[in-house]
């Protein structure tokens, strides 16, 4: 349906971001309290182009780079929200869905 004056204008071809677990939700809320504007930029970046590679956004390496999710394996990416804060997400190209697997205000210990 075509929007009318006063209607919300939807993004033309969005990716959907879904929390994969309750820990990711908790971390997302902590990041939101700590740095709302940076988290908003992260959200726009990953839902706009989830496979973009730059200084803040990249695919995780090694065993963290591909993760089993439901019936298949998906690539796992990271976005650096703040100096220590990160979000990790899986990219499901077929469903245009991103699964938020981890979020937090500190650097994830699994990458050390």
N, C-alpha and C. Protein backbone atom coordinates (compact mmCIF):
# COMPACT_ATOMS: atom_id res chain seq x y z
N UNK A 1 0.84 -1.18 0.00
CA UNK A 1 0.00 0.00 0.00
C UNK A 1 0.89 1.24 0.00
N UNK A 2 0.55 2.20 -0.79
CA UNK A 2 1.32 3.43 -0.89
C UNK A 2 1.07 4.30 0.35
N UNK A 3 2.17 4.81 0.96
CA UNK A 3 1.97 5.67 2.13
C UNK A 3 1.30 6.99 1.76
N UNK A 4 0.60 7.53 2.74
CA UNK A 4 -0.06 8.82 2.57
C UNK A 4 0.65 9.84 3.47
N UNK A 5 0.31 11.09 3.31
CA UNK A 5 0.87 12.13 4.15
C UNK A 5 0.66 11.76 5.62
N UNK A 6 1.72 11.87 6.41
CA UNK A 6 1.64 11.55 7.83
C UNK A 6 2.01 10.11 8.16
N UNK A 7 2.10 9.23 7.15
CA UNK A 7 2.47 7.83 7.38
C UNK A 7 3.98 7.70 7.56
N UNK A 8 4.38 6.67 8.27
CA UNK A 8 5.79 6.33 8.39
C UNK A 8 6.27 5.79 7.05
N UNK A 9 7.42 6.27 6.60
CA UNK A 9 8.00 5.79 5.35
C UNK A 9 8.97 4.66 5.70
N UNK A 10 8.70 3.48 5.20
CA UNK A 10 9.52 2.30 5.48
C UNK A 10 10.77 2.30 4.62
N UNK A 11 11.82 1.65 5.12
CA UNK A 11 13.02 1.46 4.31
C UNK A 11 12.66 0.59 3.11
N UNK A 12 13.23 0.87 1.94
CA UNK A 12 12.83 0.17 0.72
C UNK A 12 13.16 -1.32 0.69
N UNK A 13 14.28 -1.72 1.24
CA UNK A 13 14.68 -3.13 1.15
C UNK A 13 15.45 -3.51 2.42
N UNK A 14 14.76 -3.52 3.55
CA UNK A 14 15.46 -3.66 4.82
C UNK A 14 15.89 -5.09 5.15
N UNK A 15 16.89 -5.18 6.00
CA UNK A 15 17.25 -6.43 6.65
C UNK A 15 16.59 -6.39 8.02
N UNK A 16 16.13 -7.52 8.49
CA UNK A 16 15.52 -7.62 9.80
C UNK A 16 16.57 -8.07 10.81
N UNK A 17 16.65 -7.40 11.94
CA UNK A 17 17.58 -7.77 13.02
C UNK A 17 16.77 -8.41 14.13
N UNK A 18 17.13 -9.66 14.48
CA UNK A 18 16.41 -10.43 15.50
C UNK A 18 17.41 -10.90 16.56
N UNK A 19 17.03 -10.79 17.83
CA UNK A 19 17.88 -11.27 18.92
C UNK A 19 17.86 -12.79 18.92
N UNK A 20 19.04 -13.41 18.87
CA UNK A 20 19.15 -14.86 18.86
C UNK A 20 19.08 -15.45 20.27
N UNK A 21 19.33 -14.63 21.29
CA UNK A 21 19.32 -15.13 22.67
C UNK A 21 19.13 -13.97 23.64
N UNK A 22 18.81 -14.30 24.89
CA UNK A 22 18.54 -13.25 25.88
C UNK A 22 19.80 -12.48 26.28
N UNK A 23 20.96 -13.11 26.21
CA UNK A 23 22.21 -12.41 26.51
C UNK A 23 22.47 -11.29 25.53
N UNK A 24 22.15 -11.52 24.27
CA UNK A 24 22.32 -10.48 23.24
C UNK A 24 21.39 -9.30 23.52
N UNK A 25 20.17 -9.59 23.97
CA UNK A 25 19.22 -8.53 24.31
C UNK A 25 19.76 -7.69 25.47
N UNK A 26 20.25 -8.36 26.49
CA UNK A 26 20.80 -7.65 27.66
C UNK A 26 21.97 -6.77 27.25
N UNK A 27 22.89 -7.30 26.46
CA UNK A 27 24.03 -6.53 26.00
C UNK A 27 23.62 -5.35 25.14
N UNK A 28 22.61 -5.55 24.28
CA UNK A 28 22.11 -4.47 23.42
C UNK A 28 21.59 -3.32 24.29
N UNK A 29 20.83 -3.66 25.33
CA UNK A 29 20.29 -2.64 26.23
C UNK A 29 21.40 -1.91 26.97
N UNK A 30 22.45 -2.63 27.38
CA UNK A 30 23.60 -1.99 28.04
C UNK A 30 24.29 -1.01 27.09
N UNK A 31 24.49 -1.43 25.84
CA UNK A 31 25.08 -0.54 24.84
C UNK A 31 24.20 0.68 24.60
N UNK A 32 22.89 0.47 24.60
CA UNK A 32 21.96 1.58 24.37
C UNK A 32 22.07 2.61 25.50
N UNK A 33 22.21 2.14 26.73
CA UNK A 33 22.37 3.06 27.87
C UNK A 33 23.72 3.79 27.80
N UNK A 34 24.75 3.08 27.38
CA UNK A 34 26.10 3.65 27.36
C UNK A 34 26.32 4.60 26.20
N UNK A 35 25.85 4.25 25.02
CA UNK A 35 26.16 5.04 23.82
C UNK A 35 25.07 4.89 22.76
N UNK A 36 23.95 5.51 23.03
CA UNK A 36 22.78 5.40 22.16
C UNK A 36 23.08 5.81 20.72
N UNK A 37 23.79 6.92 20.52
CA UNK A 37 24.04 7.40 19.15
C UNK A 37 24.96 6.45 18.38
N UNK A 38 25.98 5.91 19.04
CA UNK A 38 26.86 4.94 18.37
C UNK A 38 26.11 3.66 18.02
N UNK A 39 25.23 3.23 18.91
CA UNK A 39 24.45 2.02 18.64
C UNK A 39 23.48 2.26 17.48
N UNK A 40 22.93 3.45 17.40
CA UNK A 40 22.05 3.77 16.27
C UNK A 40 22.83 3.72 14.96
N UNK A 41 24.05 4.25 14.95
CA UNK A 41 24.88 4.18 13.74
C UNK A 41 25.20 2.73 13.40
N UNK A 42 25.47 1.92 14.42
CA UNK A 42 25.74 0.49 14.19
C UNK A 42 24.53 -0.19 13.57
N UNK A 43 23.36 0.08 14.12
CA UNK A 43 22.12 -0.51 13.61
C UNK A 43 21.92 -0.15 12.13
N UNK A 44 22.10 1.11 11.80
CA UNK A 44 21.92 1.55 10.42
C UNK A 44 22.95 0.90 9.50
N UNK A 45 24.18 0.76 9.98
CA UNK A 45 25.24 0.16 9.15
C UNK A 45 24.97 -1.31 8.88
N UNK A 46 24.64 -2.07 9.94
CA UNK A 46 24.49 -3.51 9.72
C UNK A 46 23.19 -3.86 9.01
N UNK A 47 22.13 -3.10 9.23
CA UNK A 47 20.88 -3.40 8.51
C UNK A 47 20.90 -2.80 7.11
N UNK A 48 21.80 -1.87 6.85
CA UNK A 48 21.94 -1.29 5.51
C UNK A 48 22.82 -2.13 4.60
N UNK A 49 23.93 -2.63 5.15
CA UNK A 49 24.88 -3.43 4.36
C UNK A 49 25.63 -4.35 5.32
N UNK A 50 25.03 -5.49 5.67
CA UNK A 50 25.60 -6.34 6.72
C UNK A 50 26.96 -6.95 6.39
N UNK A 51 27.34 -6.99 5.12
CA UNK A 51 28.62 -7.60 4.74
C UNK A 51 29.68 -6.55 4.36
N UNK A 52 29.44 -5.31 4.68
CA UNK A 52 30.42 -4.26 4.40
C UNK A 52 31.63 -4.47 5.29
N UNK A 53 32.81 -4.29 4.73
CA UNK A 53 34.04 -4.44 5.50
C UNK A 53 34.73 -3.08 5.58
N UNK A 54 34.97 -2.64 6.83
CA UNK A 54 35.71 -1.41 7.07
C UNK A 54 36.35 -1.51 8.45
N UNK A 55 36.81 -0.39 8.99
CA UNK A 55 37.51 -0.40 10.27
C UNK A 55 36.62 -0.88 11.42
N UNK A 56 35.32 -0.68 11.34
CA UNK A 56 34.41 -1.05 12.42
C UNK A 56 33.66 -2.36 12.17
N UNK A 57 33.54 -2.77 10.94
CA UNK A 57 32.67 -3.90 10.59
C UNK A 57 33.46 -4.92 9.78
N UNK A 58 33.44 -6.17 10.27
CA UNK A 58 34.15 -7.22 9.54
C UNK A 58 33.65 -8.59 9.97
N UNK A 59 33.92 -9.57 9.13
CA UNK A 59 33.57 -10.95 9.45
C UNK A 59 34.55 -11.46 10.49
N UNK A 60 34.04 -12.23 11.46
CA UNK A 60 34.91 -12.83 12.46
C UNK A 60 35.75 -13.92 11.82
N UNK A 61 36.90 -14.20 12.43
CA UNK A 61 37.85 -15.16 11.85
C UNK A 61 37.79 -16.50 12.57
N UNK A 62 38.37 -17.50 11.92
CA UNK A 62 38.50 -18.83 12.51
C UNK A 62 37.16 -19.47 12.80
N UNK A 63 37.09 -20.18 13.94
CA UNK A 63 35.87 -20.91 14.29
C UNK A 63 34.70 -19.99 14.60
N UNK A 64 34.96 -18.71 14.86
CA UNK A 64 33.88 -17.76 15.13
C UNK A 64 33.25 -17.22 13.84
N UNK A 65 33.91 -17.43 12.70
CA UNK A 65 33.46 -16.86 11.43
C UNK A 65 32.26 -17.53 10.81
N UNK A 66 32.02 -18.80 11.16
CA UNK A 66 30.85 -19.53 10.66
C UNK A 66 30.23 -20.25 11.85
N UNK A 67 28.92 -20.07 12.02
CA UNK A 67 28.22 -20.61 13.18
C UNK A 67 26.99 -21.39 12.72
N UNK A 68 26.76 -22.54 13.36
CA UNK A 68 25.54 -23.31 13.06
C UNK A 68 24.35 -22.58 13.68
N UNK A 69 23.32 -22.43 12.86
CA UNK A 69 22.10 -21.77 13.33
C UNK A 69 20.91 -22.46 12.68
N UNK A 70 20.06 -23.00 13.50
CA UNK A 70 18.90 -23.75 13.02
C UNK A 70 19.34 -24.86 12.08
N UNK A 71 18.94 -24.81 10.80
CA UNK A 71 19.26 -25.92 9.89
C UNK A 71 20.57 -25.75 9.13
N UNK A 72 21.23 -24.63 9.27
CA UNK A 72 22.42 -24.41 8.45
C UNK A 72 23.53 -23.68 9.17
N UNK A 73 24.54 -23.31 8.42
CA UNK A 73 25.66 -22.54 8.94
C UNK A 73 25.61 -21.15 8.32
N UNK A 74 25.85 -20.14 9.15
CA UNK A 74 25.80 -18.75 8.70
C UNK A 74 27.09 -18.04 9.06
N UNK A 75 27.46 -17.06 8.24
CA UNK A 75 28.63 -16.24 8.53
C UNK A 75 28.33 -15.34 9.72
N UNK A 76 29.33 -15.20 10.61
CA UNK A 76 29.17 -14.33 11.78
C UNK A 76 30.08 -13.10 11.61
N UNK A 77 29.50 -11.94 11.83
CA UNK A 77 30.18 -10.67 11.66
C UNK A 77 30.20 -9.90 12.98
N UNK A 78 31.08 -8.91 13.03
CA UNK A 78 31.21 -8.05 14.20
C UNK A 78 31.15 -6.59 13.77
N UNK A 79 30.51 -5.78 14.61
CA UNK A 79 30.54 -4.33 14.43
C UNK A 79 31.05 -3.73 15.73
N UNK A 80 32.06 -2.86 15.62
CA UNK A 80 32.64 -2.17 16.78
C UNK A 80 31.81 -0.92 17.05
N UNK A 81 31.02 -0.98 18.11
CA UNK A 81 30.11 0.12 18.45
C UNK A 81 30.87 1.25 19.15
N UNK A 82 31.71 0.88 20.11
CA UNK A 82 32.56 1.82 20.84
C UNK A 82 33.96 1.21 20.90
N UNK A 83 34.87 1.85 21.63
CA UNK A 83 36.22 1.32 21.76
C UNK A 83 36.25 -0.12 22.25
N UNK A 84 35.36 -0.47 23.16
CA UNK A 84 35.28 -1.83 23.68
C UNK A 84 34.00 -2.54 23.31
N UNK A 85 32.93 -1.79 23.08
CA UNK A 85 31.62 -2.38 22.81
C UNK A 85 31.50 -2.97 21.42
N UNK A 86 30.91 -4.15 21.35
CA UNK A 86 30.76 -4.86 20.08
C UNK A 86 29.37 -5.47 19.97
N UNK A 87 28.96 -5.70 18.74
CA UNK A 87 27.81 -6.57 18.47
C UNK A 87 28.25 -7.61 17.45
N UNK A 88 27.79 -8.83 17.65
CA UNK A 88 28.03 -9.93 16.71
C UNK A 88 26.69 -10.33 16.13
N UNK A 89 26.71 -10.66 14.85
CA UNK A 89 25.47 -11.05 14.20
C UNK A 89 25.74 -12.06 13.09
N UNK A 90 24.75 -12.90 12.85
CA UNK A 90 24.78 -13.87 11.75
C UNK A 90 24.01 -13.30 10.58
N UNK A 91 24.47 -13.61 9.37
CA UNK A 91 23.84 -13.10 8.15
C UNK A 91 23.13 -14.24 7.43
N UNK A 92 21.80 -14.16 7.36
CA UNK A 92 20.99 -15.12 6.61
C UNK A 92 20.50 -14.42 5.34
N UNK A 93 21.26 -14.61 4.25
CA UNK A 93 20.95 -13.93 2.99
C UNK A 93 19.59 -14.33 2.43
N UNK A 94 19.26 -15.60 2.56
CA UNK A 94 18.01 -16.11 1.98
C UNK A 94 16.79 -15.42 2.58
N UNK A 95 16.81 -15.19 3.90
CA UNK A 95 15.67 -14.58 4.58
C UNK A 95 15.86 -13.09 4.85
N UNK A 96 17.01 -12.52 4.40
CA UNK A 96 17.35 -11.13 4.68
C UNK A 96 17.18 -10.82 6.17
N UNK A 97 17.72 -11.75 6.97
CA UNK A 97 17.62 -11.65 8.42
C UNK A 97 19.00 -11.67 9.03
N UNK A 98 19.19 -10.83 10.04
CA UNK A 98 20.42 -10.80 10.83
C UNK A 98 20.07 -11.26 12.23
N UNK A 99 20.83 -12.22 12.74
CA UNK A 99 20.60 -12.77 14.07
C UNK A 99 21.65 -12.20 15.02
N UNK A 100 21.22 -11.38 15.97
CA UNK A 100 22.12 -10.79 16.96
C UNK A 100 22.51 -11.88 17.95
N UNK A 101 23.79 -12.30 17.91
CA UNK A 101 24.24 -13.41 18.76
C UNK A 101 24.94 -12.94 20.02
N UNK A 102 25.52 -11.73 19.99
CA UNK A 102 26.23 -11.22 21.16
C UNK A 102 26.28 -9.70 21.08
N UNK A 103 26.15 -9.05 22.21
CA UNK A 103 26.32 -7.61 22.31
C UNK A 103 26.85 -7.30 23.70
N UNK A 104 27.72 -6.32 23.79
CA UNK A 104 28.25 -5.96 25.10
C UNK A 104 29.09 -4.71 25.06
N UNK A 105 29.26 -4.11 26.24
CA UNK A 105 30.02 -2.87 26.36
C UNK A 105 31.52 -3.12 26.46
N UNK A 106 31.92 -4.34 26.75
CA UNK A 106 33.33 -4.69 26.83
C UNK A 106 33.73 -5.59 25.68
N UNK A 107 35.03 -5.70 25.47
CA UNK A 107 35.55 -6.55 24.40
C UNK A 107 35.22 -8.01 24.71
N UNK A 108 34.67 -8.77 23.75
CA UNK A 108 34.32 -10.17 24.00
C UNK A 108 35.55 -11.03 24.29
N UNK A 109 35.51 -11.78 25.38
CA UNK A 109 36.66 -12.60 25.78
C UNK A 109 36.96 -13.71 24.78
N UNK A 110 35.95 -14.17 24.04
CA UNK A 110 36.16 -15.27 23.09
C UNK A 110 37.10 -14.90 21.94
N UNK A 111 37.35 -13.61 21.73
CA UNK A 111 38.24 -13.21 20.64
C UNK A 111 39.68 -12.97 21.10
N UNK A 112 39.93 -13.14 22.39
CA UNK A 112 41.28 -12.90 22.92
C UNK A 112 42.16 -14.11 22.73
